[in-house]
């Protein structure tokens, strides 16, 4: 074995190493790993035998970049939340990987300059751009990657030039309000997320519509920024009125945990005997016995599959439009909704 081939054994083998060992040209190695290029069967066999000996695999990323295209899909997230985000993020990454794509994750703070961040980091061709960050608008995404329709999963879901997945949060909220009414709840408090969050706004609007339909009362609101610490600090505002609401609905589970902990640690109010609490997301901690949180769940596996289906639909030039399924929300009943006695 030559000196260069002995060196290849100690590093990642290159196509030139395979060509030397097989006694063929560099282009023959490329043709041997192509599904469409012609190469004599005996030559292909020599190349594959040499590749196996050197533990060589073709650099598909370099090849695709050289052609100006790739199977890279960039997923732009808000800064990773160790509780709220991973369930859907994991489902999405797994779905993309299973489809043969390479997910690249970019995390941004909601206060970051999205346009500058994308310009700085997206210096290579991509197949898809999936946006869940508050700091990247549809216009910013379209400018950063003008050759790809972005898939917006944040607050720009109705823009004409983007694709999106529609989550019908209102179905779960309507189910929750019906159940609260039937169990005697009449006044409700709301813990909102970030003002920049489309999800928080949608959930608040759906709540207002449903309680108005039932004749319930939105007694008090506070803002927890989708964050445990800030929700814990904001929780006293939910008890600042003359009467405690019958129930507090939080725009995500993390804030519901914070509200529950505040009332347990700092007041005499009991959950669910004196105060019911409901969250949104059904994160892994919601079923823990210490919380046993009633919440609203979205089918994250269906959402992830729908995102991948959009990318698959683009491979067919005849498919100009894709109508993704609407992902409905459902109420998950656990132990944080009590029964209230209504006196007439």
Protein backbone atom coordinates (compact mmCIF):
# COMPACT_ATOMS: atom_id res chain seq x y z
CA UNK A 1 0.00 0.00 0.00
CA UNK A 2 1.35 3.44 -0.92
CA UNK A 3 2.20 6.12 1.60
CA UNK A 4 -0.89 8.14 0.62
CA UNK A 5 -3.16 5.15 1.14
CA UNK A 6 -1.64 4.39 4.54
CA UNK A 7 -2.35 8.04 5.40
CA UNK A 8 -5.94 7.62 4.22
CA UNK A 9 -6.40 4.85 6.78
CA UNK A 10 -5.77 7.42 9.53
CA UNK A 11 -8.14 10.07 8.15
CA UNK A 12 -11.41 10.27 6.22
CA UNK A 13 -10.72 8.62 2.87
CA UNK A 14 -11.14 10.70 -0.29
CA UNK A 15 -12.29 9.73 -3.76
CA UNK A 16 -8.69 10.10 -5.01
CA UNK A 17 -7.61 7.44 -2.48
CA UNK A 18 -10.25 5.05 -3.81
CA UNK A 19 -9.21 5.78 -7.38
CA UNK A 20 -5.56 5.02 -6.56
CA UNK A 21 -6.36 1.74 -4.81
CA UNK A 22 -8.78 0.60 -7.54
CA UNK A 23 -6.47 1.72 -10.35
CA UNK A 24 -9.13 3.92 -11.98
CA UNK A 25 -9.69 7.61 -12.62
CA UNK A 26 -11.30 10.01 -10.12
CA UNK A 27 -14.30 10.39 -12.42
CA UNK A 28 -14.78 6.61 -12.45
CA UNK A 29 -15.22 6.71 -8.67
CA UNK A 30 -17.93 9.32 -9.03
CA UNK A 31 -19.69 7.28 -11.73
CA UNK A 32 -19.52 4.15 -9.57
CA UNK A 33 -21.61 5.86 -6.85
CA UNK A 34 -24.06 7.44 -9.32
CA UNK A 35 -27.43 5.84 -9.99
CA UNK A 36 -27.56 7.13 -13.56
CA UNK A 37 -23.98 7.37 -14.90
CA UNK A 38 -22.65 4.52 -17.07
CA UNK A 39 -19.69 2.48 -15.81
CA UNK A 40 -18.55 -1.02 -16.71
CA UNK A 41 -19.73 -3.58 -14.12
CA UNK A 42 -16.20 -4.85 -13.46
CA UNK A 43 -14.93 -1.30 -12.93
CA UNK A 44 -17.79 -0.54 -10.52
CA UNK A 45 -16.97 -3.72 -8.59
CA UNK A 46 -13.30 -2.70 -8.21
CA UNK A 47 -14.28 0.77 -7.04
CA UNK A 48 -16.78 -0.53 -4.47
CA UNK A 49 -14.25 -3.08 -3.19
CA UNK A 50 -11.63 -0.35 -2.75
CA UNK A 51 -14.19 1.94 -1.08
CA UNK A 52 -15.09 -0.79 1.41
CA UNK A 53 -11.42 -1.41 2.23
CA UNK A 54 -10.84 2.30 2.91
CA UNK A 55 -14.22 2.78 4.64
CA UNK A 56 -15.01 5.47 2.06
CA UNK A 57 -18.41 7.09 1.56
CA UNK A 58 -19.10 9.80 -1.02
CA UNK A 59 -19.40 13.40 0.15
CA UNK A 60 -22.94 13.99 -1.01
CA UNK A 61 -23.06 17.40 0.65
CA UNK A 62 -20.05 18.71 -1.27
CA UNK A 63 -21.44 17.25 -4.48
CA UNK A 64 -24.85 18.85 -4.01
CA UNK A 65 -23.35 22.22 -3.12
CA UNK A 66 -21.23 22.11 -6.25
CA UNK A 67 -24.42 21.67 -8.25
CA UNK A 68 -26.06 24.64 -6.49
CA UNK A 69 -28.66 22.57 -4.67
CA UNK A 70 -28.80 20.46 -1.54
CA UNK A 71 -31.00 18.38 0.70
CA UNK A 72 -30.30 20.80 3.57
CA UNK A 73 -33.34 22.14 5.40
CA UNK A 74 -32.69 25.02 7.80
CA UNK A 75 -34.93 25.14 10.87
CA UNK A 76 -34.95 28.56 12.56
CA UNK A 77 -36.02 28.35 16.21
CA UNK A 78 -36.39 30.68 19.12
CA UNK A 79 -33.63 30.03 21.63
CA UNK A 80 -34.11 26.42 22.67
CA UNK A 81 -36.43 25.97 25.63
CA UNK A 82 -35.51 22.81 27.53
CA UNK A 83 -39.15 22.17 28.45
CA UNK A 84 -41.51 23.63 25.88
CA UNK A 85 -39.69 23.11 22.60
CA UNK A 86 -38.06 19.69 22.37
CA UNK A 87 -41.13 17.54 21.75
CA UNK A 88 -42.10 19.19 18.47
CA UNK A 89 -38.51 20.03 17.54
CA UNK A 90 -37.53 16.38 17.92
CA UNK A 91 -40.53 15.18 15.92
CA UNK A 92 -39.74 17.64 13.13
CA UNK A 93 -36.02 16.81 12.98
CA UNK A 94 -36.81 13.09 12.97
CA UNK A 95 -39.35 13.49 10.16
CA UNK A 96 -36.87 15.48 8.05
CA UNK A 97 -34.10 12.95 8.63
CA UNK A 98 -36.37 10.02 7.80
CA UNK A 99 -37.18 11.70 4.47
CA UNK A 100 -33.46 11.79 3.56
CA UNK A 101 -32.93 15.46 4.34
CA UNK A 102 -30.25 17.10 6.46
CA UNK A 103 -31.71 19.45 9.10
CA UNK A 104 -29.55 22.40 10.15
CA UNK A 105 -30.80 24.22 13.25
CA UNK A 106 -30.36 27.97 13.80
CA UNK A 107 -31.50 29.39 17.15
CA UNK A 108 -32.33 33.07 17.54
CA UNK A 109 -33.51 35.19 20.42
CA UNK A 110 -36.89 36.90 19.87
CA UNK A 111 -34.98 40.21 20.07
CA UNK A 112 -32.31 39.26 17.48
CA UNK A 113 -32.17 40.96 14.09
CA UNK A 114 -33.54 38.11 11.99
CA UNK A 115 -32.44 39.61 8.66
CA UNK A 116 -28.81 39.99 9.75
CA UNK A 117 -28.77 36.55 11.34
CA UNK A 118 -30.02 34.79 8.22
CA UNK A 119 -27.65 36.75 5.98
CA UNK A 120 -24.70 35.82 8.19
CA UNK A 121 -25.50 32.13 8.50
CA UNK A 122 -27.28 31.08 5.29
CA UNK A 123 -24.28 31.16 2.95
CA UNK A 124 -25.08 27.83 1.23
CA UNK A 125 -27.96 26.57 -0.94
CA UNK A 126 -30.88 25.00 0.92
CA UNK A 127 -33.87 22.93 -0.08
CA UNK A 128 -36.14 24.35 2.58
CA UNK A 129 -36.44 27.01 5.26
CA UNK A 130 -38.70 26.36 8.27
CA UNK A 131 -39.26 29.33 10.55
CA UNK A 132 -40.47 29.14 14.14
CA UNK A 133 -38.59 32.20 15.45
CA UNK A 134 -40.43 35.38 16.44
CA UNK A 135 -37.59 37.46 14.98
CA UNK A 136 -37.99 36.28 11.35
CA UNK A 137 -40.93 37.61 9.37
CA UNK A 138 -42.12 36.25 6.03
CA UNK A 139 -40.52 39.19 4.24
CA UNK A 140 -37.17 38.55 5.94
CA UNK A 141 -37.32 34.84 5.07
CA UNK A 142 -38.24 35.52 1.44
CA UNK A 143 -35.39 38.03 1.10
CA UNK A 144 -32.84 35.72 2.73
CA UNK A 145 -33.68 32.70 0.54
CA UNK A 146 -35.55 34.07 -2.50
CA UNK A 147 -35.45 30.76 -4.39
CA UNK A 148 -37.37 28.81 -1.69
CA UNK A 149 -40.89 29.31 -0.33
CA UNK A 150 -40.40 29.44 3.45
CA UNK A 151 -42.59 27.33 5.70
CA UNK A 152 -43.71 29.70 8.44
CA UNK A 153 -44.71 28.17 11.77
CA UNK A 154 -44.62 31.39 13.78
CA UNK A 155 -46.87 34.40 13.16
CA UNK A 156 -46.96 34.73 9.37
CA UNK A 157 -49.17 31.79 8.50
CA UNK A 158 -51.45 33.55 6.01
CA UNK A 159 -48.84 35.31 3.84
CA UNK A 160 -49.49 34.71 0.12
CA UNK A 161 -45.91 33.73 -0.74
CA UNK A 162 -45.22 31.24 2.05
CA UNK A 163 -46.42 27.82 3.11
CA UNK A 164 -47.68 27.03 6.58
CA UNK A 165 -49.26 24.44 8.82
CA UNK A 166 -52.58 25.47 10.31
CA UNK A 167 -53.03 24.45 13.93
CA UNK A 168 -56.60 24.82 15.07
CA UNK A 169 -55.93 25.84 18.68
CA UNK A 170 -59.51 27.04 18.97
CA UNK A 171 -60.96 23.51 18.89
CA UNK A 172 -59.14 22.55 22.09
CA UNK A 173 -59.95 25.86 23.74
CA UNK A 174 -63.65 25.46 22.90
CA UNK A 175 -63.58 21.96 24.40
CA UNK A 176 -61.88 23.35 27.51
CA UNK A 177 -64.42 26.17 27.96
CA UNK A 178 -67.34 23.75 27.56
CA UNK A 179 -65.87 21.48 30.23
CA UNK A 180 -65.16 24.40 32.56
CA UNK A 181 -68.74 25.62 32.20
CA UNK A 182 -70.14 22.17 32.89
CA UNK A 183 -68.01 21.92 36.07
CA UNK A 184 -69.25 25.26 37.41
CA UNK A 185 -66.47 27.67 36.39
CA UNK A 186 -67.67 31.16 35.56
CA UNK A 187 -64.67 33.51 35.87
CA UNK A 188 -61.32 32.96 34.23
CA UNK A 189 -57.83 34.44 34.31
CA UNK A 190 -55.39 34.31 31.41
CA UNK A 191 -51.58 34.13 31.48
CA UNK A 192 -50.29 35.30 28.10
CA UNK A 193 -47.01 34.57 26.35
CA UNK A 194 -44.84 37.03 24.42
CA UNK A 195 -46.63 39.89 22.70
CA UNK A 196 -44.68 38.99 19.54
CA UNK A 197 -46.05 35.44 19.59
CA UNK A 198 -48.77 34.59 17.09
CA UNK A 199 -49.69 31.54 19.18
CA UNK A 200 -50.34 33.55 22.34
CA UNK A 201 -52.53 36.02 20.46
CA UNK A 202 -54.51 33.26 18.75
CA UNK A 203 -55.11 31.46 22.06
CA UNK A 204 -56.20 34.63 23.84
CA UNK A 205 -58.61 35.56 21.03
CA UNK A 206 -60.07 32.05 20.93
CA UNK A 207 -60.54 32.12 24.70
CA UNK A 208 -62.31 35.50 24.58
CA UNK A 209 -64.65 34.27 21.84
CA UNK A 210 -65.56 31.05 23.64
CA UNK A 211 -66.17 32.54 27.09
CA UNK A 212 -68.31 35.27 25.52
CA UNK A 213 -70.37 32.52 23.89
CA UNK A 214 -70.88 30.89 27.27
CA UNK A 215 -71.39 34.09 29.24
CA UNK A 216 -68.26 33.58 31.32
CA UNK A 217 -66.13 36.44 32.61
CA UNK A 218 -62.48 37.19 31.77
CA UNK A 219 -61.56 38.48 35.20
CA UNK A 220 -57.83 39.17 34.97
CA UNK A 221 -54.83 38.87 32.64
CA UNK A 222 -51.06 38.79 33.11
CA UNK A 223 -48.05 38.17 30.89
CA UNK A 224 -45.47 35.47 31.61
CA UNK A 225 -43.49 35.64 28.32
CA UNK A 226 -43.73 31.82 27.91
CA UNK A 227 -41.08 31.64 30.64
CA UNK A 228 -41.23 29.96 34.07
CA UNK A 229 -39.44 32.70 36.04
CA UNK A 230 -41.38 35.56 34.49
CA UNK A 231 -44.69 33.74 34.86
CA UNK A 232 -43.91 33.07 38.53
CA UNK A 233 -43.24 36.79 39.04
CA UNK A 234 -46.43 37.73 37.18
CA UNK A 235 -48.65 35.24 39.01
CA UNK A 236 -49.57 37.56 41.95
CA UNK A 237 -51.40 39.81 39.48
CA UNK A 238 -53.83 36.97 38.84
CA UNK A 239 -54.95 37.12 42.49
CA UNK A 240 -54.93 40.91 42.84
CA UNK A 241 -58.67 41.40 42.32
CA UNK A 242 -61.42 41.27 44.90
CA UNK A 243 -62.17 37.65 44.01
CA UNK A 244 -59.94 34.86 42.81
CA UNK A 245 -60.90 33.57 39.33
CA UNK A 246 -62.36 30.09 39.21
CA UNK A 247 -59.71 29.00 36.72
CA UNK A 248 -56.50 30.28 35.17
CA UNK A 249 -55.72 29.33 31.57
CA UNK A 250 -52.05 29.67 30.58
CA UNK A 251 -50.87 29.97 26.97
CA UNK A 252 -48.33 27.21 27.59
CA UNK A 253 -47.62 24.51 30.15
CA UNK A 254 -44.40 26.06 31.46
CA UNK A 255 -46.31 29.11 32.67
CA UNK A 256 -49.01 26.85 34.13
CA UNK A 257 -46.33 25.10 36.20
CA UNK A 258 -45.12 28.49 37.44
CA UNK A 259 -48.63 29.67 38.35
CA UNK A 260 -49.35 26.41 40.15
CA UNK A 261 -46.08 26.62 42.10
CA UNK A 262 -46.71 30.25 43.06
CA UNK A 263 -50.14 29.54 44.53
CA UNK A 264 -48.96 26.40 46.29
CA UNK A 265 -45.90 28.06 47.84
CA UNK A 266 -47.14 31.57 48.57
CA UNK A 267 -50.88 31.42 49.21
CA UNK A 268 -53.50 29.37 51.02
CA UNK A 269 -55.32 28.65 47.75
CA UNK A 270 -55.40 24.98 46.79
CA UNK A 271 -55.24 23.51 43.27
CA UNK A 272 -57.77 22.31 42.19
CA UNK A 273 -60.02 22.75 45.26
CA UNK A 274 -59.94 26.58 45.19
CA UNK A 275 -58.38 27.29 41.81
CA UNK A 276 -58.30 25.31 38.58
CA UNK A 277 -55.34 25.63 36.20
CA UNK A 278 -55.08 24.63 32.54
CA UNK A 279 -52.04 24.79 30.25
CA UNK A 280 -51.33 24.33 26.56
CA UNK A 281 -48.85 21.98 24.75
CA UNK A 282 -48.92 18.82 26.91
CA UNK A 283 -45.16 18.79 27.44
CA UNK A 284 -43.54 15.79 29.10
CA UNK A 285 -43.69 17.32 32.60
CA UNK A 286 -47.47 17.85 32.44
CA UNK A 287 -48.16 14.22 33.35
CA UNK A 288 -45.71 14.17 36.26
CA UNK A 289 -47.57 13.48 39.54
CA UNK A 290 -46.30 16.72 41.08
CA UNK A 291 -48.21 18.70 38.41
CA UNK A 292 -50.75 16.29 36.85
CA UNK A 293 -51.73 19.24 34.66
CA UNK A 294 -54.87 19.46 32.59
CA UNK A 295 -53.80 20.91 29.27
CA UNK A 296 -54.49 21.18 25.55
CA UNK A 297 -52.52 18.99 23.16
CA UNK A 298 -51.59 19.32 19.49
CA UNK A 299 -50.68 16.27 17.41
CA UNK A 300 -46.99 17.10 16.97
CA UNK A 301 -46.21 14.01 14.89
CA UNK A 302 -48.90 15.00 12.39
CA UNK A 303 -47.56 18.55 12.31
CA UNK A 304 -44.03 17.33 11.62
CA UNK A 305 -45.24 14.96 8.90
CA UNK A 306 -47.19 17.79 7.28
CA UNK A 307 -44.06 19.97 7.11
CA UNK A 308 -42.13 17.16 5.41
CA UNK A 309 -45.07 16.58 3.06
CA UNK A 310 -44.81 20.18 1.87
CA UNK A 311 -41.16 19.63 0.96
CA UNK A 312 -42.02 16.36 -0.79
CA UNK A 313 -44.77 18.05 -2.80
CA UNK A 314 -42.25 20.51 -4.23
CA UNK A 315 -40.34 17.68 -5.91
CA UNK A 316 -43.21 17.32 -8.38
CA UNK A 317 -43.19 20.30 -10.78
CA UNK A 318 -46.85 19.64 -11.60
CA UNK A 319 -47.85 20.17 -7.97
CA UNK A 320 -48.21 23.95 -7.77
CA UNK A 321 -50.29 24.04 -4.61
CA UNK A 322 -50.24 21.99 -1.43
CA UNK A 323 -53.10 21.98 1.03
CA UNK A 324 -51.67 20.81 4.37
CA UNK A 325 -54.02 19.23 6.88
CA UNK A 326 -55.37 21.30 9.74
CA UNK A 327 -54.02 20.02 13.04
CA UNK A 328 -56.71 20.14 15.68
CA UNK A 329 -56.10 20.58 19.41
CA UNK A 330 -57.73 18.46 22.09
CA UNK A 331 -58.29 18.81 25.83
CA UNK A 332 -56.31 16.43 28.05
CA UNK A 333 -57.99 16.07 31.43
CA UNK A 334 -55.83 15.40 34.47
CA UNK A 335 -56.01 16.63 38.04
CA UNK A 336 -55.95 20.45 37.98
CA UNK A 337 -59.60 21.16 37.15
CA UNK A 338 -61.93 21.01 40.12
CA UNK A 339 -65.68 21.47 40.41
CA UNK A 340 -67.22 24.75 41.46
CA UNK A 341 -70.58 25.14 43.23
CA UNK A 342 -72.76 27.82 41.70
CA UNK A 343 -75.30 29.42 44.01
CA UNK A 344 -78.44 30.88 42.52
